Amino acid sequence: MMHLIRPVLRRCGIAVSPASVICSEHLKTVTIDVDGRARVDVRETLVFLHQPKAGDLFDSCSIDAKAPLTTFIRQSPDAVDTGQRLIGKDTVVVDWKPKGAVVPYALYDHQYSWYPEGSHTQPALCAEYHCEKRTGNFVFEMITQQGFEVAVSFPRPGWLHTRSERTLIKYALKQLEAGGEQPAISENGQRAQWKIVGPKLGSRHVCVVFHRHGVALWQDDLKKGTLRHKINQLMGRLAPT
């Protein structure tokens, strides 16, 4: 039945991997250089229960919503890209097929990388994981020269899907204050690592990583955006001198 439903979901912009594709581990590494440019490397250990069919295999790659799609270039040593499409404003889904023969039940090492446009030196950086296939372990690493202060991760609430980055950061700070899960910060603050064991198929998770002093900068920015702060500013300008 699912093989009949998947094409319909695909036309609606919903990508669903077949049950015959299993991911033992998904490792995603984002490396930010001294100029703030990022490189994303993904390595998946896959198991195919039978030979994949056309449309079974795809990778979702996040991009800058403001960047033209023509700037997106993905590289993979083991895959042949067969097509790509934009889902939403900031995700490119790339269809692919293996370059070599697939052996059912054997481990298949799938790798790909791309360079997202834009600078990644902001006080806070957000990463999202959408479990699109049956996965054993998901591991996310972010490496920077600037140094991280703290990170917080949480399942993404449904209402957060269409909200702004500001709303997301505000929610992340509340999770941090409430003692939410904090991914490990190591190597003198230059590496953040986030791990999910046995993520549920279809679930979405968010990790927000704050550069040094990023928490204070965002708290100050959010405070300036409150109605009380704006009223106090206005009263200060109207006060007699």
Protein backbone atom coordinates (compact mmCIF):
# COMPACT_ATOMS: atom_id res chain seq x y z
CA MET A 1 0.00 0.00 0.00
CA MET A 2 2.77 2.42 0.92
CA HIS A 3 4.35 2.12 -2.55
CA LEU A 4 1.09 3.58 -3.92
CA ILE A 5 0.91 6.38 -1.34
CA ARG A 6 4.54 7.53 -1.63
CA PRO A 7 4.20 9.02 -5.16
CA VAL A 8 1.17 11.04 -4.00
CA LEU A 9 3.07 12.35 -0.98
CA ARG A 10 6.03 13.14 -3.21
CA ARG A 11 3.86 15.33 -5.46
CA CYS A 12 2.72 17.16 -2.32
CA GLY A 13 6.33 17.88 -1.36
CA ILE A 14 6.55 15.18 1.33
CA ALA A 15 9.52 12.84 1.00
CA VAL A 16 9.19 9.40 2.58
CA SER A 17 11.82 6.65 2.36
CA PRO A 18 10.60 3.08 1.82
CA ALA A 19 10.79 0.57 4.65
CA SER A 20 13.41 -1.34 2.64
CA VAL A 21 16.00 1.40 3.31
CA ILE A 22 17.43 1.46 6.85
CA CYS A 23 20.02 3.89 8.21
CA SER A 24 22.20 2.41 10.93
CA GLU A 25 23.89 5.76 11.62
CA HIS A 26 23.54 9.27 10.24
CA LEU A 27 26.53 11.52 10.94
CA LYS A 28 26.27 15.18 9.95
CA THR A 29 29.22 17.54 10.42
CA VAL A 30 29.09 21.30 9.86
CA THR A 31 32.54 22.91 9.72
CA ILE A 32 32.75 26.71 9.88
CA ASP A 33 36.01 28.33 8.77
CA VAL A 34 37.58 31.55 10.09
CA ASP A 35 35.62 33.62 7.55
CA GLY A 36 32.27 32.18 8.63
CA ARG A 37 31.77 29.96 5.59
CA ALA A 38 30.35 26.51 6.23
CA ARG A 39 30.80 23.07 4.72
CA VAL A 40 28.29 20.31 5.46
CA ASP A 41 29.42 16.67 5.33
CA VAL A 42 26.98 13.79 5.77
CA ARG A 43 27.86 10.14 6.14
CA GLU A 44 25.17 7.48 6.34
CA THR A 45 25.58 3.77 6.94
CA LEU A 46 22.69 2.26 5.01
CA VAL A 47 21.23 -1.22 4.72
CA PHE A 48 19.07 -2.16 1.73
CA LEU A 49 16.64 -5.02 2.23
CA HIS A 50 16.32 -5.32 -1.55
CA GLN A 51 17.43 -3.45 -4.66
CA PRO A 52 16.29 0.19 -4.50
CA LYS A 53 13.88 1.43 -7.14
CA ALA A 54 13.81 4.82 -8.87
CA GLY A 55 12.64 7.45 -6.38
CA ASP A 56 13.51 5.37 -3.31
CA LEU A 57 16.71 7.25 -2.47
CA PHE A 58 16.93 10.96 -1.72
CA ASP A 59 18.90 13.38 0.45
CA SER A 60 17.55 16.57 2.02
CA CYS A 61 19.99 19.49 2.07
CA SER A 62 19.33 22.75 3.90
CA ILE A 63 20.22 25.99 2.11
CA ASP A 64 19.97 29.73 2.66
CA ALA A 65 16.41 30.72 1.74
CA LYS A 66 17.72 33.93 0.15
CA ALA A 67 20.32 32.20 -2.04
CA PRO A 68 19.43 31.29 -5.66
CA LEU A 69 19.04 27.58 -6.28
CA THR A 70 21.72 27.76 -8.97
CA THR A 71 24.37 28.23 -6.26
CA PHE A 72 23.59 24.83 -4.73
CA ILE A 73 26.15 22.17 -5.65
CA ARG A 74 26.19 18.76 -3.98
CA GLN A 75 29.03 16.29 -4.22
CA SER A 76 28.93 12.55 -3.53
CA PRO A 77 31.63 9.93 -4.24
CA ASP A 78 29.19 7.01 -4.25
CA ALA A 79 26.00 8.40 -5.80
CA VAL A 80 24.70 9.60 -9.15
CA ASP A 81 22.20 12.45 -8.77
CA THR A 82 19.06 11.88 -10.83
CA GLY A 83 17.13 15.03 -9.99
CA GLN A 84 16.51 17.73 -7.44
CA ARG A 85 13.60 19.83 -6.26
CA LEU A 86 13.02 22.64 -3.79
CA ILE A 87 10.75 21.92 -0.82
CA GLY A 88 9.70 25.02 1.07
CA LYS A 89 12.15 27.92 0.96
CA ASP A 90 15.27 26.34 2.41
CA THR A 91 15.48 22.63 1.57
CA VAL A 92 16.71 20.97 -1.60
CA VAL A 93 15.80 17.30 -2.02
CA VAL A 94 18.25 15.43 -4.25
CA ASP A 95 17.22 12.10 -5.80
CA TRP A 96 20.10 9.68 -6.35
CA LYS A 97 21.08 6.15 -7.24
CA PRO A 98 24.19 4.16 -6.20
CA LYS A 99 27.18 4.20 -8.56
CA GLY A 100 28.04 0.61 -7.73
CA ALA A 101 26.14 -2.58 -7.15
CA VAL A 102 23.95 -2.85 -4.06
CA VAL A 103 24.16 -6.01 -1.97
CA PRO A 104 21.00 -6.59 0.08
CA TYR A 105 21.60 -6.67 3.88
CA ALA A 106 25.22 -5.49 3.48
CA LEU A 107 26.42 -2.13 4.83
CA TYR A 108 26.45 0.67 2.24
CA ASP A 109 28.54 3.79 2.95
CA HIS A 110 26.78 6.85 1.54
CA GLN A 111 28.51 10.24 1.69
CA TYR A 112 27.66 13.68 0.38
CA SER A 113 28.56 17.31 1.04
CA TRP A 114 27.63 20.86 0.06
CA TYR A 115 28.48 24.47 0.90
CA PRO A 116 25.54 26.54 2.20
CA GLU A 117 25.59 30.19 1.19
CA GLY A 118 25.88 32.99 3.72
CA SER A 119 27.89 33.70 6.86
CA HIS A 120 27.71 31.49 9.94
CA THR A 121 29.15 33.88 12.52
CA GLN A 122 25.82 34.83 14.11
CA PRO A 123 25.50 34.71 17.91
CA ALA A 124 23.30 31.62 17.56
CA LEU A 125 23.08 28.93 14.88
CA CYS A 126 20.14 26.59 14.40
CA ALA A 127 20.17 23.05 13.05
CA GLU A 128 17.17 20.83 12.44
CA TYR A 129 16.97 17.07 12.01
CA HIS A 130 13.99 15.44 10.31
CA CYS A 131 14.02 11.64 10.58
CA GLU A 132 13.05 10.63 7.04
CA LYS A 133 14.06 6.98 7.20
CA ARG A 134 14.33 4.31 9.89
CA THR A 135 17.48 5.31 11.77
CA GLY A 136 19.48 3.78 14.61
CA ASN A 137 21.66 6.74 15.65
CA PHE A 138 21.76 10.37 14.57
CA VAL A 139 24.94 12.33 15.37
CA PHE A 140 25.39 16.02 14.64
CA GLU A 141 28.66 17.89 15.01
CA MET A 142 29.39 21.57 14.54
CA ILE A 143 32.98 22.82 14.50
CA THR A 144 33.97 26.49 14.67
CA GLN A 145 37.03 28.66 15.17
CA GLN A 146 35.07 31.21 17.20
CA GLY A 147 34.17 28.96 20.10
CA PHE A 148 30.79 27.90 21.45
CA GLU A 149 29.29 28.87 24.79
CA VAL A 150 26.43 26.41 25.13
CA ALA A 151 23.93 24.41 23.07
CA VAL A 152 20.39 23.19 23.71
CA SER A 153 18.32 20.61 21.81
CA PHE A 154 14.63 19.73 21.88
CA PRO A 155 11.86 18.12 19.81
CA ARG A 156 10.44 20.79 17.54
CA PRO A 157 6.90 21.81 18.57
CA GLY A 158 4.40 21.72 15.71
CA TRP A 159 3.52 25.39 16.12
CA LEU A 160 7.19 26.34 15.61
CA HIS A 161 7.20 25.25 11.96
CA THR A 162 6.21 28.59 10.43
CA ARG A 163 7.60 30.91 13.09
CA SER A 164 10.59 33.21 12.75
CA GLU A 165 14.16 32.62 13.86
CA ARG A 166 13.52 35.08 16.68
CA THR A 167 10.69 32.91 18.01
CA LEU A 168 12.88 29.82 17.74
CA ILE A 169 15.75 31.41 19.69
CA LYS A 170 13.35 32.68 22.34
CA TYR A 171 11.96 29.17 22.77
CA ALA A 172 15.50 27.73 22.90
CA LEU A 173 16.49 30.13 25.69
CA LYS A 174 13.44 29.07 27.69
CA GLN A 175 14.44 25.43 27.22
CA LEU A 176 17.95 26.32 28.40
CA GLU A 177 16.62 28.04 31.51
CA ALA A 178 14.36 25.05 32.23
CA GLY A 179 17.32 22.65 32.18
CA GLY A 180 16.70 21.24 28.71
CA GLU A 181 19.06 18.77 27.07
CA GLN A 182 22.46 20.31 26.36
CA PRO A 183 24.65 18.79 23.64
CA ALA A 184 28.30 18.34 24.61
CA ILE A 185 30.75 21.21 24.05
CA SER A 186 34.38 20.09 23.79
CA GLU A 187 37.84 20.95 22.39
CA ASN A 188 38.00 24.33 24.15
CA GLY A 189 34.54 25.22 22.96
CA GLN A 190 35.24 24.62 19.29
CA ARG A 191 33.11 21.47 18.86
CA ALA A 192 29.46 20.86 19.70
CA GLN A 193 28.04 17.33 19.45
CA TRP A 194 24.40 16.31 19.56
CA LYS A 195 23.20 12.71 19.49
CA ILE A 196 19.78 11.09 19.23
CA VAL A 197 19.45 7.34 19.81
CA GLY A 198 16.62 5.67 17.92
CA PRO A 199 14.80 8.75 16.56
CA LYS A 200 11.17 8.13 15.68
CA LEU A 201 10.39 8.06 11.96
CA GLY A 202 8.91 11.42 10.96
CA SER A 203 10.04 13.21 14.11
CA ARG A 204 11.73 16.61 13.99
CA HIS A 205 14.37 17.88 16.38
CA VAL A 206 16.14 21.22 16.76
CA CYS A 207 19.57 22.11 18.13
CA VAL A 208 20.53 25.74 18.82
CA VAL A 209 24.23 26.43 19.35
CA PHE A 210 25.31 29.75 20.87
CA HIS A 211 28.68 31.24 20.08
CA ARG A 212 30.54 32.81 23.01
CA HIS A 213 28.47 35.65 24.52
CA GLY A 214 25.63 34.61 22.21
CA VAL A 215 23.17 33.96 25.05
CA ALA A 216 23.65 37.45 26.52
CA LEU A 217 23.43 39.09 23.09
CA TRP A 218 20.16 37.32 22.28
CA GLN A 219 18.70 37.99 25.73
CA ASP A 220 19.45 41.69 25.29
CA ASP A 221 18.00 41.71 21.78
CA LEU A 222 14.80 40.00 22.91
CA LYS A 223 14.49 42.39 25.85
CA LYS A 224 14.68 45.38 23.49
CA GLY A 225 11.83 43.90 21.50
CA THR A 226 9.40 43.72 24.44
CA LEU A 227 6.49 46.16 24.74
CA ARG A 228 7.64 47.27 28.21
CA HIS A 229 11.10 48.18 26.92
CA LYS A 230 9.62 50.14 24.00
CA ILE A 231 7.29 52.04 26.37
CA ASN A 232 10.18 52.85 28.70
CA GLN A 233 12.19 54.14 25.73
CA LEU A 234 9.28 56.30 24.60
CA MET A 235 8.71 57.71 28.10
CA GLY A 236 12.41 58.47 28.35
CA ARG A 237 12.30 60.49 25.14
CA LEU A 238 9.17 62.36 26.28
CA ALA A 239 10.44 63.12 29.78
CA PRO A 240 11.20 66.84 30.41
CA THR A 241 14.86 67.84 30.56
